[in-house]
């Protein structure tokens, strides 16, 4: 497969093909889909609107705008799509219907499986980007910087060995530090920055939250260490560059998964995002004297990077379980869907 452009074309063609089939009549009978949002915020509303547009008009889609309002009592359905961690955690144990959890951090998937009734179908579309894609962006954007720092919490459950391997394949080294107590965060951050020339921020809400993000950005800025982030808001607040998938992109991929389910009544394996965006803060780039390629050039380089467009399914769930088969600036900067 030649890059993300071809992958995107394939995804959209697949969605169009699936949606052109008789909606809701695969595997015998009509299909009704429930969409449960974590809350009624703008990001979730954007996801809901795009998902609805990507599905056939005749396919029944019922939307619950707040996770706490969901109840399985008396609600007929064939599949549930949750958006954000809060929605997934709220719904998981309340119903045995097939569940596709979207915008779920990879680290939370094992916990989600543990909440599900035995034998229920469960899958996910992760919020995280695959390590190969992250490492590819670092190489494409900042090839002269090879010391990559990561600050993470105990709850993040990072696969540091895989990240280290992907960075090493591109000539970079990883310095990672776990920070478990809030009063130790500043000292742990200083240690990471002292051993790094890039700070790679990950969607770890125990570290990158509204209480900490301003100090993290200021500390990295004063040391001349650019922060590579995971959201547009983080770039707006002072990060140099970010790699992320928008709600609309995730909804498009989720739409393909829903359309496939209507035909097969089976959920696919958990997946990483197939579609992604890159954002750059040009003012920070000038201040740090970082000469960055254009976003289009970065995408072209990233699409050619080894492993940046892998088999995006994730079959390495804890304990060998296959989930699908078994069951405003600084304040907003660290916000990932919950």
C-alpha atoms as a PDB file:
ATOM      1  CA  UNK A   1       0.000   0.000   0.000  1.00  0.00           C
ATOM      2  CA  UNK A   2       1.486   3.291  -1.095  1.00  0.00           C
ATOM      3  CA  UNK A   3       0.947   5.685   1.765  1.00  0.00           C
ATOM      4  CA  UNK A   4      -1.933   7.166   3.659  1.00  0.00           C
ATOM      5  CA  UNK A   5      -3.476   8.678   0.536  1.00  0.00           C
ATOM      6  CA  UNK A   6      -4.195   5.246  -0.893  1.00  0.00           C
ATOM      7  CA  UNK A   7      -5.294   3.991   2.529  1.00  0.00           C
ATOM      8  CA  UNK A   8      -7.753   6.879   2.847  1.00  0.00           C
ATOM      9  CA  UNK A   9      -9.097   6.202  -0.635  1.00  0.00           C
ATOM     10  CA  UNK A  10      -9.543   2.525   0.225  1.00  0.00           C
ATOM     11  CA  UNK A  11     -11.335   3.362   3.472  1.00  0.00           C
ATOM     12  CA  UNK A  12     -13.761   5.739   1.781  1.00  0.00           C
ATOM     13  CA  UNK A  13     -14.375   3.339  -1.104  1.00  0.00           C
ATOM     14  CA  UNK A  14     -15.008   0.514   1.361  1.00  0.00           C
ATOM     15  CA  UNK A  15     -17.457   2.693   3.275  1.00  0.00           C
ATOM     16  CA  UNK A  16     -19.272   3.645   0.079  1.00  0.00           C
ATOM     17  CA  UNK A  17     -19.472   0.005  -1.001  1.00  0.00           C
ATOM     18  CA  UNK A  18     -20.770  -1.177   2.352  1.00  0.00           C
ATOM     19  CA  UNK A  19     -23.300   1.619   2.561  1.00  0.00           C
ATOM     20  CA  UNK A  20     -24.526   0.881  -0.968  1.00  0.00           C
ATOM     21  CA  UNK A  21     -25.506  -2.616   0.144  1.00  0.00           C
ATOM     22  CA  UNK A  22     -29.025  -3.084   1.440  1.00  0.00           C
ATOM     23  CA  UNK A  23     -28.771  -1.259   4.779  1.00  0.00           C
ATOM     24  CA  UNK A  24     -29.578  -3.232   7.862  1.00  0.00           C
ATOM     25  CA  UNK A  25     -30.222  -6.556   6.136  1.00  0.00           C
ATOM     26  CA  UNK A  26     -26.915  -8.395   6.483  1.00  0.00           C
ATOM     27  CA  UNK A  27     -26.878 -11.720   8.334  1.00  0.00           C
ATOM     28  CA  UNK A  28     -30.658 -11.774   8.515  1.00  0.00           C
ATOM     29  CA  UNK A  29     -32.865  -8.924   9.658  1.00  0.00           C
ATOM     30  CA  UNK A  30     -32.666  -5.215  10.349  1.00  0.00           C
ATOM     31  CA  UNK A  31     -29.963  -3.607  12.492  1.00  0.00           C
ATOM     32  CA  UNK A  32     -30.329  -0.782  15.011  1.00  0.00           C
ATOM     33  CA  UNK A  33     -27.309   1.123  16.287  1.00  0.00           C
ATOM     34  CA  UNK A  34     -26.980   3.044  19.545  1.00  0.00           C
ATOM     35  CA  UNK A  35     -24.453   5.897  19.770  1.00  0.00           C
ATOM     36  CA  UNK A  36     -23.527   6.871  23.342  1.00  0.00           C
ATOM     37  CA  UNK A  37     -21.472  10.044  23.847  1.00  0.00           C
ATOM     38  CA  UNK A  38     -19.468  10.853  26.969  1.00  0.00           C
ATOM     39  CA  UNK A  39     -21.134  14.270  27.080  1.00  0.00           C
ATOM     40  CA  UNK A  40     -22.729  16.862  24.841  1.00  0.00           C
ATOM     41  CA  UNK A  41     -19.521  18.772  24.081  1.00  0.00           C
ATOM     42  CA  UNK A  42     -18.520  20.076  20.671  1.00  0.00           C
ATOM     43  CA  UNK A  43     -16.037  17.279  19.903  1.00  0.00           C
ATOM     44  CA  UNK A  44     -18.635  14.615  20.553  1.00  0.00           C
ATOM     45  CA  UNK A  45     -21.305  16.442  18.574  1.00  0.00           C
ATOM     46  CA  UNK A  46     -18.907  16.682  15.612  1.00  0.00           C
ATOM     47  CA  UNK A  47     -18.284  12.957  15.829  1.00  0.00           C
ATOM     48  CA  UNK A  48     -22.013  12.196  15.945  1.00  0.00           C
ATOM     49  CA  UNK A  49     -22.774  14.410  12.955  1.00  0.00           C
ATOM     50  CA  UNK A  50     -20.033  12.846  10.822  1.00  0.00           C
ATOM     51  CA  UNK A  51     -20.982   9.304  11.794  1.00  0.00           C
ATOM     52  CA  UNK A  52     -24.609   9.952  10.903  1.00  0.00           C
ATOM     53  CA  UNK A  53     -23.560  11.363   7.511  1.00  0.00           C
ATOM     54  CA  UNK A  54     -21.347   8.347   6.813  1.00  0.00           C
ATOM     55  CA  UNK A  55     -24.144   5.818   7.349  1.00  0.00           C
ATOM     56  CA  UNK A  56     -27.130   5.062   5.107  1.00  0.00           C
ATOM     57  CA  UNK A  57     -30.150   7.237   5.989  1.00  0.00           C
ATOM     58  CA  UNK A  58     -32.278   4.108   6.381  1.00  0.00           C
ATOM     59  CA  UNK A  59     -30.028   2.703   9.110  1.00  0.00           C
ATOM     60  CA  UNK A  60     -31.595   3.479  12.516  1.00  0.00           C
ATOM     61  CA  UNK A  61     -29.150   5.393  14.722  1.00  0.00           C
ATOM     62  CA  UNK A  62     -30.237   6.420  18.216  1.00  0.00           C
ATOM     63  CA  UNK A  63     -28.051   8.939  20.061  1.00  0.00           C
ATOM     64  CA  UNK A  64     -27.600   9.263  23.829  1.00  0.00           C
ATOM     65  CA  UNK A  65     -25.784  12.558  24.404  1.00  0.00           C
ATOM     66  CA  UNK A  66     -24.687  11.898  27.984  1.00  0.00           C
ATOM     67  CA  UNK A  67     -23.260   8.580  29.092  1.00  0.00           C
ATOM     68  CA  UNK A  68     -25.041   8.655  32.445  1.00  0.00           C
ATOM     69  CA  UNK A  69     -28.397   8.738  30.655  1.00  0.00           C
ATOM     70  CA  UNK A  70     -27.845   5.371  28.993  1.00  0.00           C
ATOM     71  CA  UNK A  71     -29.869   2.433  30.230  1.00  0.00           C
ATOM     72  CA  UNK A  72     -30.233  -0.963  28.602  1.00  0.00           C
ATOM     73  CA  UNK A  73     -33.732  -1.470  30.031  1.00  0.00           C
ATOM     74  CA  UNK A  74     -36.349  -1.545  27.328  1.00  0.00           C
ATOM     75  CA  UNK A  75     -33.976  -0.350  24.606  1.00  0.00           C
ATOM     76  CA  UNK A  76     -33.856  -2.622  21.568  1.00  0.00           C
ATOM     77  CA  UNK A  77     -30.652  -2.593  19.573  1.00  0.00           C
ATOM     78  CA  UNK A  78     -27.997  -4.669  17.848  1.00  0.00           C
ATOM     79  CA  UNK A  79     -24.774  -2.692  18.416  1.00  0.00           C
ATOM     80  CA  UNK A  80     -23.511   0.155  20.582  1.00  0.00           C
ATOM     81  CA  UNK A  81     -20.863   2.699  19.615  1.00  0.00           C
ATOM     82  CA  UNK A  82     -19.427   4.648  22.551  1.00  0.00           C
ATOM     83  CA  UNK A  83     -17.355   7.814  22.151  1.00  0.00           C
ATOM     84  CA  UNK A  84     -14.766   8.617  24.823  1.00  0.00           C
ATOM     85  CA  UNK A  85     -13.603   6.737  27.903  1.00  0.00           C
ATOM     86  CA  UNK A  86     -16.502   7.824  30.105  1.00  0.00           C
ATOM     87  CA  UNK A  87     -19.099   6.456  27.710  1.00  0.00           C
ATOM     88  CA  UNK A  88     -17.240   3.159  27.246  1.00  0.00           C
ATOM     89  CA  UNK A  89     -16.792   2.629  30.986  1.00  0.00           C
ATOM     90  CA  UNK A  90     -20.430   3.508  31.698  1.00  0.00           C
ATOM     91  CA  UNK A  91     -21.917   1.230  29.069  1.00  0.00           C
ATOM     92  CA  UNK A  92     -19.518  -1.756  29.243  1.00  0.00           C
ATOM     93  CA  UNK A  93     -21.145  -3.644  32.099  1.00  0.00           C
ATOM     94  CA  UNK A  94     -24.742  -2.627  31.446  1.00  0.00           C
ATOM     95  CA  UNK A  95     -25.363  -4.573  28.260  1.00  0.00           C
ATOM     96  CA  UNK A  96     -24.141  -7.598  26.370  1.00  0.00           C
ATOM     97  CA  UNK A  97     -24.760  -5.988  22.971  1.00  0.00           C
ATOM     98  CA  UNK A  98     -21.717  -5.786  20.669  1.00  0.00           C
ATOM     99  CA  UNK A  99     -19.702  -2.735  21.705  1.00  0.00           C
ATOM    100  CA  UNK A 100     -17.360  -0.595  19.609  1.00  0.00           C
ATOM    101  CA  UNK A 101     -15.497   1.852  21.879  1.00  0.00           C
ATOM    102  CA  UNK A 102     -14.173   4.851  19.920  1.00  0.00           C
ATOM    103  CA  UNK A 103     -11.697   7.468  21.187  1.00  0.00           C
ATOM    104  CA  UNK A 104     -10.554   4.996  23.826  1.00  0.00           C
ATOM    105  CA  UNK A 105      -6.895   5.131  24.929  1.00  0.00           C
ATOM    106  CA  UNK A 106      -5.182   1.829  24.227  1.00  0.00           C
ATOM    107  CA  UNK A 107      -4.208   1.488  27.891  1.00  0.00           C
ATOM    108  CA  UNK A 108      -7.882   1.320  28.931  1.00  0.00           C
ATOM    109  CA  UNK A 109      -8.933  -1.501  26.640  1.00  0.00           C
ATOM    110  CA  UNK A 110      -7.992  -4.352  29.001  1.00  0.00           C
ATOM    111  CA  UNK A 111     -10.062  -2.753  31.764  1.00  0.00           C
ATOM    112  CA  UNK A 112     -12.968  -2.392  29.343  1.00  0.00           C
ATOM    113  CA  UNK A 113     -12.825  -6.107  28.472  1.00  0.00           C
ATOM    114  CA  UNK A 114     -12.903  -6.987  32.173  1.00  0.00           C
ATOM    115  CA  UNK A 115     -16.190  -5.079  32.574  1.00  0.00           C
ATOM    116  CA  UNK A 116     -17.954  -6.839  29.719  1.00  0.00           C
ATOM    117  CA  UNK A 117     -20.371  -9.761  30.175  1.00  0.00           C
ATOM    118  CA  UNK A 118     -18.860 -13.141  29.199  1.00  0.00           C
ATOM    119  CA  UNK A 119     -19.122 -13.928  25.508  1.00  0.00           C
ATOM    120  CA  UNK A 120     -20.031 -10.413  24.408  1.00  0.00           C
ATOM    121  CA  UNK A 121     -18.399  -8.876  21.354  1.00  0.00           C
ATOM    122  CA  UNK A 122     -16.093  -5.957  22.120  1.00  0.00           C
ATOM    123  CA  UNK A 123     -13.773  -3.908  19.948  1.00  0.00           C
ATOM    124  CA  UNK A 124     -12.200  -0.449  19.871  1.00  0.00           C
ATOM    125  CA  UNK A 125     -10.971   2.363  17.692  1.00  0.00           C
ATOM    126  CA  UNK A 126      -8.130   3.788  19.734  1.00  0.00           C
ATOM    127  CA  UNK A 127      -7.453   7.433  20.435  1.00  0.00           C
ATOM    128  CA  UNK A 128      -3.680   6.840  20.350  1.00  0.00           C
ATOM    129  CA  UNK A 129      -1.519   6.919  17.258  1.00  0.00           C
ATOM    130  CA  UNK A 130       0.607   3.821  16.560  1.00  0.00           C
ATOM    131  CA  UNK A 131       4.221   4.090  17.754  1.00  0.00           C
ATOM    132  CA  UNK A 132       5.614   3.656  14.249  1.00  0.00           C
ATOM    133  CA  UNK A 133       3.685   6.702  13.070  1.00  0.00           C
ATOM    134  CA  UNK A 134       4.817   8.763  16.075  1.00  0.00           C
ATOM    135  CA  UNK A 135       8.437   7.797  15.525  1.00  0.00           C
ATOM    136  CA  UNK A 136       8.099   8.532  11.827  1.00  0.00           C
ATOM    137  CA  UNK A 137       6.854  12.050  12.518  1.00  0.00           C
ATOM    138  CA  UNK A 138       9.751  12.782  14.872  1.00  0.00           C
ATOM    139  CA  UNK A 139      12.216  11.660  12.233  1.00  0.00           C
ATOM    140  CA  UNK A 140      10.517  13.610   9.441  1.00  0.00           C
ATOM    141  CA  UNK A 141      10.035  16.845  11.406  1.00  0.00           C
ATOM    142  CA  UNK A 142      13.151  16.951  13.596  1.00  0.00           C
ATOM    143  CA  UNK A 143      15.799  14.680  12.042  1.00  0.00           C
ATOM    144  CA  UNK A 144      18.656  16.435  13.865  1.00  0.00           C
ATOM    145  CA  UNK A 145      17.131  15.711  17.274  1.00  0.00           C
ATOM    146  CA  UNK A 146      17.553  12.119  18.417  1.00  0.00           C
ATOM    147  CA  UNK A 147      17.077  12.174  22.212  1.00  0.00           C
ATOM    148  CA  UNK A 148      13.378  11.648  22.802  1.00  0.00           C
ATOM    149  CA  UNK A 149      11.991  12.231  26.304  1.00  0.00           C
ATOM    150  CA  UNK A 150       8.732  10.784  27.642  1.00  0.00           C
ATOM    151  CA  UNK A 151       7.123  11.539  30.999  1.00  0.00           C
ATOM    152  CA  UNK A 152       4.361   9.130  31.949  1.00  0.00           C
ATOM    153  CA  UNK A 153       2.176   8.071  34.861  1.00  0.00           C
ATOM    154  CA  UNK A 154       1.841   4.546  36.334  1.00  0.00           C
ATOM    155  CA  UNK A 155      -1.667   4.299  34.869  1.00  0.00           C
ATOM    156  CA  UNK A 156      -0.464   4.842  31.296  1.00  0.00           C
ATOM    157  CA  UNK A 157       0.733   1.239  30.818  1.00  0.00           C
ATOM    158  CA  UNK A 158       3.064   2.231  28.014  1.00  0.00           C
ATOM    159  CA  UNK A 159       4.723  -0.350  25.817  1.00  0.00           C
ATOM    160  CA  UNK A 160       8.100   1.334  26.179  1.00  0.00           C
ATOM    161  CA  UNK A 161       9.964  -1.519  24.510  1.00  0.00           C
ATOM    162  CA  UNK A 162       7.989  -1.084  21.296  1.00  0.00           C
ATOM    163  CA  UNK A 163       8.421   2.705  21.366  1.00  0.00           C
ATOM    164  CA  UNK A 164      12.156   2.272  21.987  1.00  0.00           C
ATOM    165  CA  UNK A 165      12.374  -0.168  19.081  1.00  0.00           C
ATOM    166  CA  UNK A 166      10.561   2.153  16.680  1.00  0.00           C
ATOM    167  CA  UNK A 167      12.747   5.099  17.679  1.00  0.00           C
ATOM    168  CA  UNK A 168      15.954   3.060  17.391  1.00  0.00           C
ATOM    169  CA  UNK A 169      14.968   1.986  13.878  1.00  0.00           C
ATOM    170  CA  UNK A 170      15.037   5.680  12.992  1.00  0.00           C
ATOM    171  CA  UNK A 171      18.291   6.514  14.778  1.00  0.00           C
ATOM    172  CA  UNK A 172      16.769   7.948  17.968  1.00  0.00           C
ATOM    173  CA  UNK A 173      16.995   7.049  21.658  1.00  0.00           C
ATOM    174  CA  UNK A 174      14.331   7.091  24.359  1.00  0.00           C
ATOM    175  CA  UNK A 175      14.652   8.544  27.850  1.00  0.00           C
ATOM    176  CA  UNK A 176      11.482   7.748  29.825  1.00  0.00           C
ATOM    177  CA  UNK A 177      10.626   8.668  33.393  1.00  0.00           C
ATOM    178  CA  UNK A 178       7.586   7.579  35.390  1.00  0.00           C
ATOM    179  CA  UNK A 179       6.040  10.264  37.588  1.00  0.00           C
ATOM    180  CA  UNK A 180       3.576   8.969  40.136  1.00  0.00           C
ATOM    181  CA  UNK A 181       3.099  11.785  42.670  1.00  0.00           C
ATOM    182  CA  UNK A 182       1.939  15.330  41.809  1.00  0.00           C
ATOM    183  CA  UNK A 183       4.604  16.883  44.057  1.00  0.00           C
ATOM    184  CA  UNK A 184       7.316  15.068  42.100  1.00  0.00           C
ATOM    185  CA  UNK A 185       6.151  16.092  38.653  1.00  0.00           C
ATOM    186  CA  UNK A 186       8.350  19.191  38.353  1.00  0.00           C
ATOM    187  CA  UNK A 187      11.496  17.323  39.342  1.00  0.00           C
ATOM    188  CA  UNK A 188      10.718  14.377  37.074  1.00  0.00           C
ATOM    189  CA  UNK A 189      10.039  16.755  34.189  1.00  0.00           C
ATOM    190  CA  UNK A 190      13.362  18.527  34.750  1.00  0.00           C
ATOM    191  CA  UNK A 191      15.183  15.198  34.624  1.00  0.00           C
ATOM    192  CA  UNK A 192      13.489  14.227  31.371  1.00  0.00           C
ATOM    193  CA  UNK A 193      14.234  17.607  29.792  1.00  0.00           C
ATOM    194  CA  UNK A 194      17.878  17.426  30.900  1.00  0.00           C
ATOM    195  CA  UNK A 195      18.315  14.172  28.972  1.00  0.00           C
ATOM    196  CA  UNK A 196      16.248  15.033  25.900  1.00  0.00           C
ATOM    197  CA  UNK A 197      16.133  17.367  22.933  1.00  0.00           C
ATOM    198  CA  UNK A 198      12.461  16.563  22.199  1.00  0.00           C
ATOM    199  CA  UNK A 199       9.625  16.024  24.671  1.00  0.00           C
ATOM    200  CA  UNK A 200       7.050  13.586  23.317  1.00  0.00           C
ATOM    201  CA  UNK A 201       3.706  14.231  25.039  1.00  0.00           C
ATOM    202  CA  UNK A 202       1.225  11.368  25.137  1.00  0.00           C
ATOM    203  CA  UNK A 203      -2.533  11.354  25.938  1.00  0.00           C
ATOM    204  CA  UNK A 204      -1.903  10.613  29.619  1.00  0.00           C
ATOM    205  CA  UNK A 205      -4.394  12.683  31.602  1.00  0.00           C
ATOM    206  CA  UNK A 206      -2.496  12.181  34.865  1.00  0.00           C
ATOM    207  CA  UNK A 207       0.420  14.144  33.372  1.00  0.00           C
ATOM    208  CA  UNK A 208      -0.989  16.340  30.619  1.00  0.00           C
ATOM    209  CA  UNK A 209      -3.998  17.987  32.232  1.00  0.00           C
ATOM    210  CA  UNK A 210      -5.188  21.545  32.767  1.00  0.00           C
ATOM    211  CA  UNK A 211      -3.364  21.773  36.107  1.00  0.00           C
ATOM    212  CA  UNK A 212       0.037  20.850  34.685  1.00  0.00           C
ATOM    213  CA  UNK A 213       0.156  21.783  31.032  1.00  0.00           C
ATOM    214  CA  UNK A 214       1.166  25.431  31.400  1.00  0.00           C
ATOM    215  CA  UNK A 215       4.175  24.598  33.580  1.00  0.00           C
ATOM    216  CA  UNK A 216       5.190  21.736  31.288  1.00  0.00           C
ATOM    217  CA  UNK A 217       5.097  24.017  28.247  1.00  0.00           C
ATOM    218  CA  UNK A 218       7.018  26.785  29.991  1.00  0.00           C
ATOM    219  CA  UNK A 219       9.685  24.400  31.267  1.00  0.00           C
ATOM    220  CA  UNK A 220      10.231  22.816  27.866  1.00  0.00           C
ATOM    221  CA  UNK A 221      10.271  26.237  26.179  1.00  0.00           C
ATOM    222  CA  UNK A 222      12.876  27.657  28.574  1.00  0.00           C
ATOM    223  CA  UNK A 223      15.151  24.667  27.981  1.00  0.00           C
ATOM    224  CA  UNK A 224      14.740  24.932  24.225  1.00  0.00           C
ATOM    225  CA  UNK A 225      13.186  21.464  24.064  1.00  0.00           C
ATOM    226  CA  UNK A 226      10.244  21.370  21.645  1.00  0.00           C
ATOM    227  CA  UNK A 227       7.104  19.572  22.750  1.00  0.00           C
ATOM    228  CA  UNK A 228       5.553  17.188  20.240  1.00  0.00           C
ATOM    229  CA  UNK A 229       1.949  16.624  21.222  1.00  0.00           C
ATOM    230  CA  UNK A 230      -1.277  14.790  20.535  1.00  0.00           C
ATOM    231  CA  UNK A 231      -3.865  17.496  19.823  1.00  0.00           C
ATOM    232  CA  UNK A 232      -4.496  20.721  17.954  1.00  0.00           C
ATOM    233  CA  UNK A 233      -5.203  22.453  21.271  1.00  0.00           C
ATOM    234  CA  UNK A 234      -1.778  21.474  22.597  1.00  0.00           C
ATOM    235  CA  UNK A 235      -0.135  23.051  19.549  1.00  0.00           C
ATOM    236  CA  UNK A 236      -2.255  26.173  19.976  1.00  0.00           C
ATOM    237  CA  UNK A 237      -1.096  26.446  23.586  1.00  0.00           C
ATOM    238  CA  UNK A 238       2.616  26.295  22.752  1.00  0.00           C
ATOM    239  CA  UNK A 239       3.559  22.849  21.503  1.00  0.00           C
ATOM    240  CA  UNK A 240       5.668  22.722  18.349  1.00  0.00           C
ATOM    241  CA  UNK A 241       3.857  20.019  16.431  1.00  0.00           C
ATOM    242  CA  UNK A 242       1.186  17.393  16.995  1.00  0.00           C
ATOM    243  CA  UNK A 243      -0.027  14.184  15.415  1.00  0.00           C
ATOM    244  CA  UNK A 244      -3.671  13.325  16.046  1.00  0.00           C
ATOM    245  CA  UNK A 245      -6.924  12.136  14.544  1.00  0.00           C
ATOM    246  CA  UNK A 246      -9.895  14.483  14.523  1.00  0.00           C
ATOM    247  CA  UNK A 247     -13.376  13.427  15.665  1.00  0.00           C
ATOM    248  CA  UNK A 248     -14.478  13.590  12.039  1.00  0.00           C
ATOM    249  CA  UNK A 249     -11.663  11.282  10.915  1.00  0.00           C
ATOM    250  CA  UNK A 250     -12.402   8.791  13.678  1.00  0.00           C
ATOM    251  CA  UNK A 251     -16.114   8.930  12.868  1.00  0.00           C
ATOM    252  CA  UNK A 252     -15.394   8.101   9.232  1.00  0.00           C
ATOM    253  CA  UNK A 253     -13.438   5.017  10.265  1.00  0.00           C
ATOM    254  CA  UNK A 254     -16.096   4.084  12.813  1.00  0.00           C
ATOM    255  CA  UNK A 255     -18.717   4.411  10.087  1.00  0.00           C
ATOM    256  CA  UNK A 256     -16.897   1.806   8.005  1.00  0.00           C
ATOM    257  CA  UNK A 257     -16.812  -0.520  11.025  1.00  0.00           C
ATOM    258  CA  UNK A 258     -20.542  -0.046  11.672  1.00  0.00           C
ATOM    259  CA  UNK A 259     -21.399  -0.607   8.009  1.00  0.00           C
ATOM    260  CA  UNK A 260     -19.339  -3.804   8.020  1.00  0.00           C
ATOM    261  CA  UNK A 261     -21.131  -4.975  11.167  1.00  0.00           C
ATOM    262  CA  UNK A 262     -24.519  -4.529   9.515  1.00  0.00           C
ATOM    263  CA  UNK A 263     -23.428  -7.051   6.893  1.00  0.00           C
ATOM    264  CA  UNK A 264     -21.566  -9.589   9.032  1.00  0.00           C
ATOM    265  CA  UNK A 265     -22.871  -9.072  12.596  1.00  0.00           C
ATOM    266  CA  UNK A 266     -19.262  -9.410  13.733  1.00  0.00           C
ATOM    267  CA  UNK A 267     -16.931  -6.699  15.052  1.00  0.00           C
ATOM    268  CA  UNK A 268     -13.421  -6.400  13.650  1.00  0.00           C
ATOM    269  CA  UNK A 269     -10.323  -6.483  15.841  1.00  0.00           C
ATOM    270  CA  UNK A 270      -9.406  -3.279  17.755  1.00  0.00           C
ATOM    271  CA  UNK A 271      -7.787  -0.706  15.481  1.00  0.00           C
ATOM    272  CA  UNK A 272      -5.548   2.323  15.580  1.00  0.00           C
ATOM    273  CA  UNK A 273      -6.644   5.388  13.595  1.00  0.00           C
ATOM    274  CA  UNK A 274      -6.261   5.034   9.847  1.00  0.00           C
ATOM    275  CA  UNK A 275      -6.702   8.758   9.190  1.00  0.00           C
ATOM    276  CA  UNK A 276      -4.637  11.440  10.895  1.00  0.00           C
ATOM    277  CA  UNK A 277      -3.779  15.151  10.936  1.00  0.00           C
ATOM    278  CA  UNK A 278      -0.602  17.123  11.583  1.00  0.00           C
ATOM    279  CA  UNK A 279      -0.585  20.595  13.159  1.00  0.00           C
ATOM    280  CA  UNK A 280       2.400  22.965  13.474  1.00  0.00           C
ATOM    281  CA  UNK A 281       2.864  26.093  15.596  1.00  0.00           C
ATOM    282  CA  UNK A 282       4.924  28.292  13.295  1.00  0.00           C
ATOM    283  CA  UNK A 283       5.559  30.932  15.964  1.00  0.00           C
ATOM    284  CA  UNK A 284       7.106  28.349  18.293  1.00  0.00           C
ATOM    285  CA  UNK A 285       9.113  26.966  15.378  1.00  0.00           C
ATOM    286  CA  UNK A 286      10.590  30.411  14.685  1.00  0.00           C
ATOM    287  CA  UNK A 287      11.367  31.023  18.361  1.00  0.00           C
ATOM    288  CA  UNK A 288      13.113  27.660  18.717  1.00  0.00           C
ATOM    289  CA  UNK A 289      14.763  28.111  15.309  1.00  0.00           C
ATOM    290  CA  UNK A 290      13.311  24.825  14.196  1.00  0.00           C
ATOM    291  CA  UNK A 291      13.187  24.575  10.416  1.00  0.00           C
ATOM    292  CA  UNK A 292      10.222  22.346   9.717  1.00  0.00           C
ATOM    293  CA  UNK A 293       9.009  20.990   6.383  1.00  0.00           C
ATOM    294  CA  UNK A 294       5.491  21.930   5.338  1.00  0.00           C
ATOM    295  CA  UNK A 295       2.622  19.836   6.635  1.00  0.00           C
ATOM    296  CA  UNK A 296       2.168  18.325   3.166  1.00  0.00           C
ATOM    297  CA  UNK A 297       5.858  17.430   2.993  1.00  0.00           C
ATOM    298  CA  UNK A 298       5.725  15.937   6.472  1.00  0.00           C
ATOM    299  CA  UNK A 299       2.754  13.806   5.495  1.00  0.00           C
ATOM    300  CA  UNK A 300       4.503  12.576   2.381  1.00  0.00           C
ATOM    301  CA  UNK A 301       7.597  11.633   4.380  1.00  0.00           C
ATOM    302  CA  UNK A 302       5.520  10.039   7.101  1.00  0.00           C
ATOM    303  CA  UNK A 303       3.527   7.954   4.637  1.00  0.00           C
ATOM    304  CA  UNK A 304       6.799   6.537   3.306  1.00  0.00           C
ATOM    305  CA  UNK A 305       8.163   5.818   6.779  1.00  0.00           C
ATOM    306  CA  UNK A 306       8.541   2.079   7.497  1.00  0.00           C
ATOM    307  CA  UNK A 307       5.655   0.787   9.548  1.00  0.00           C
ATOM    308  CA  UNK A 308       3.777   4.092   9.761  1.00  0.00           C
ATOM    309  CA  UNK A 309       0.901   2.485   7.870  1.00  0.00           C
ATOM    310  CA  UNK A 310       0.926  -0.994   9.395  1.00  0.00           C
ATOM    311  CA  UNK A 311      -1.860  -3.465   9.776  1.00  0.00           C
ATOM    312  CA  UNK A 312      -3.699  -1.083  12.059  1.00  0.00           C
ATOM    313  CA  UNK A 313      -5.556  -3.823  13.908  1.00  0.00           C
ATOM    314  CA  UNK A 314      -4.309  -4.748  17.360  1.00  0.00           C
ATOM    315  CA  UNK A 315      -4.320  -8.445  18.142  1.00  0.00           C
ATOM    316  CA  UNK A 316      -2.023  -8.328  21.154  1.00  0.00           C
ATOM    317  CA  UNK A 317      -4.546  -7.983  23.949  1.00  0.00           C
ATOM    318  CA  UNK A 318      -3.548  -8.938  27.512  1.00  0.00           C
ATOM    319  CA  UNK A 319      -3.878 -12.604  28.326  1.00  0.00           C
ATOM    320  CA  UNK A 320      -4.354 -13.516  24.681  1.00  0.00           C
ATOM    321  CA  UNK A 321      -8.003 -12.416  24.622  1.00  0.00           C
ATOM    322  CA  UNK A 322      -9.393 -11.147  21.355  1.00  0.00           C
ATOM    323  CA  UNK A 323     -11.857  -8.477  22.322  1.00  0.00           C
ATOM    324  CA  UNK A 324     -13.878  -8.642  19.123  1.00  0.00           C
ATOM    325  CA  UNK A 325     -14.297 -12.386  19.365  1.00  0.00           C
ATOM    326  CA  UNK A 326     -14.723 -12.753  23.115  1.00  0.00           C
ATOM    327  CA  UNK A 327     -16.630 -10.160  24.065  1.00  0.00           C
ATOM    328  CA  UNK A 328      -9.352  27.188  24.882  1.00  0.00           C
ATOM    329  CA  UNK A 329      -5.663  27.114  24.902  1.00  0.00           C
ATOM    330  CA  UNK A 330      -3.868  25.999  28.050  1.00  0.00           C
ATOM    331  CA  UNK A 331      -6.994  24.765  29.833  1.00  0.00           C
ATOM    332  CA  UNK A 332      -8.112  22.814  26.791  1.00  0.00           C
ATOM    333  CA  UNK A 333      -4.646  21.846  25.628  1.00  0.00           C
ATOM    334  CA  UNK A 334      -4.367  18.583  27.500  1.00  0.00           C
ATOM    335  CA  UNK A 335      -7.972  17.659  27.057  1.00  0.00           C
ATOM    336  CA  UNK A 336      -8.522  14.295  25.406  1.00  0.00           C
ATOM    337  CA  UNK A 337     -11.975  12.715  25.123  1.00  0.00           C
ATOM    338  CA  UNK A 338     -12.953  11.096  28.412  1.00  0.00           C
END
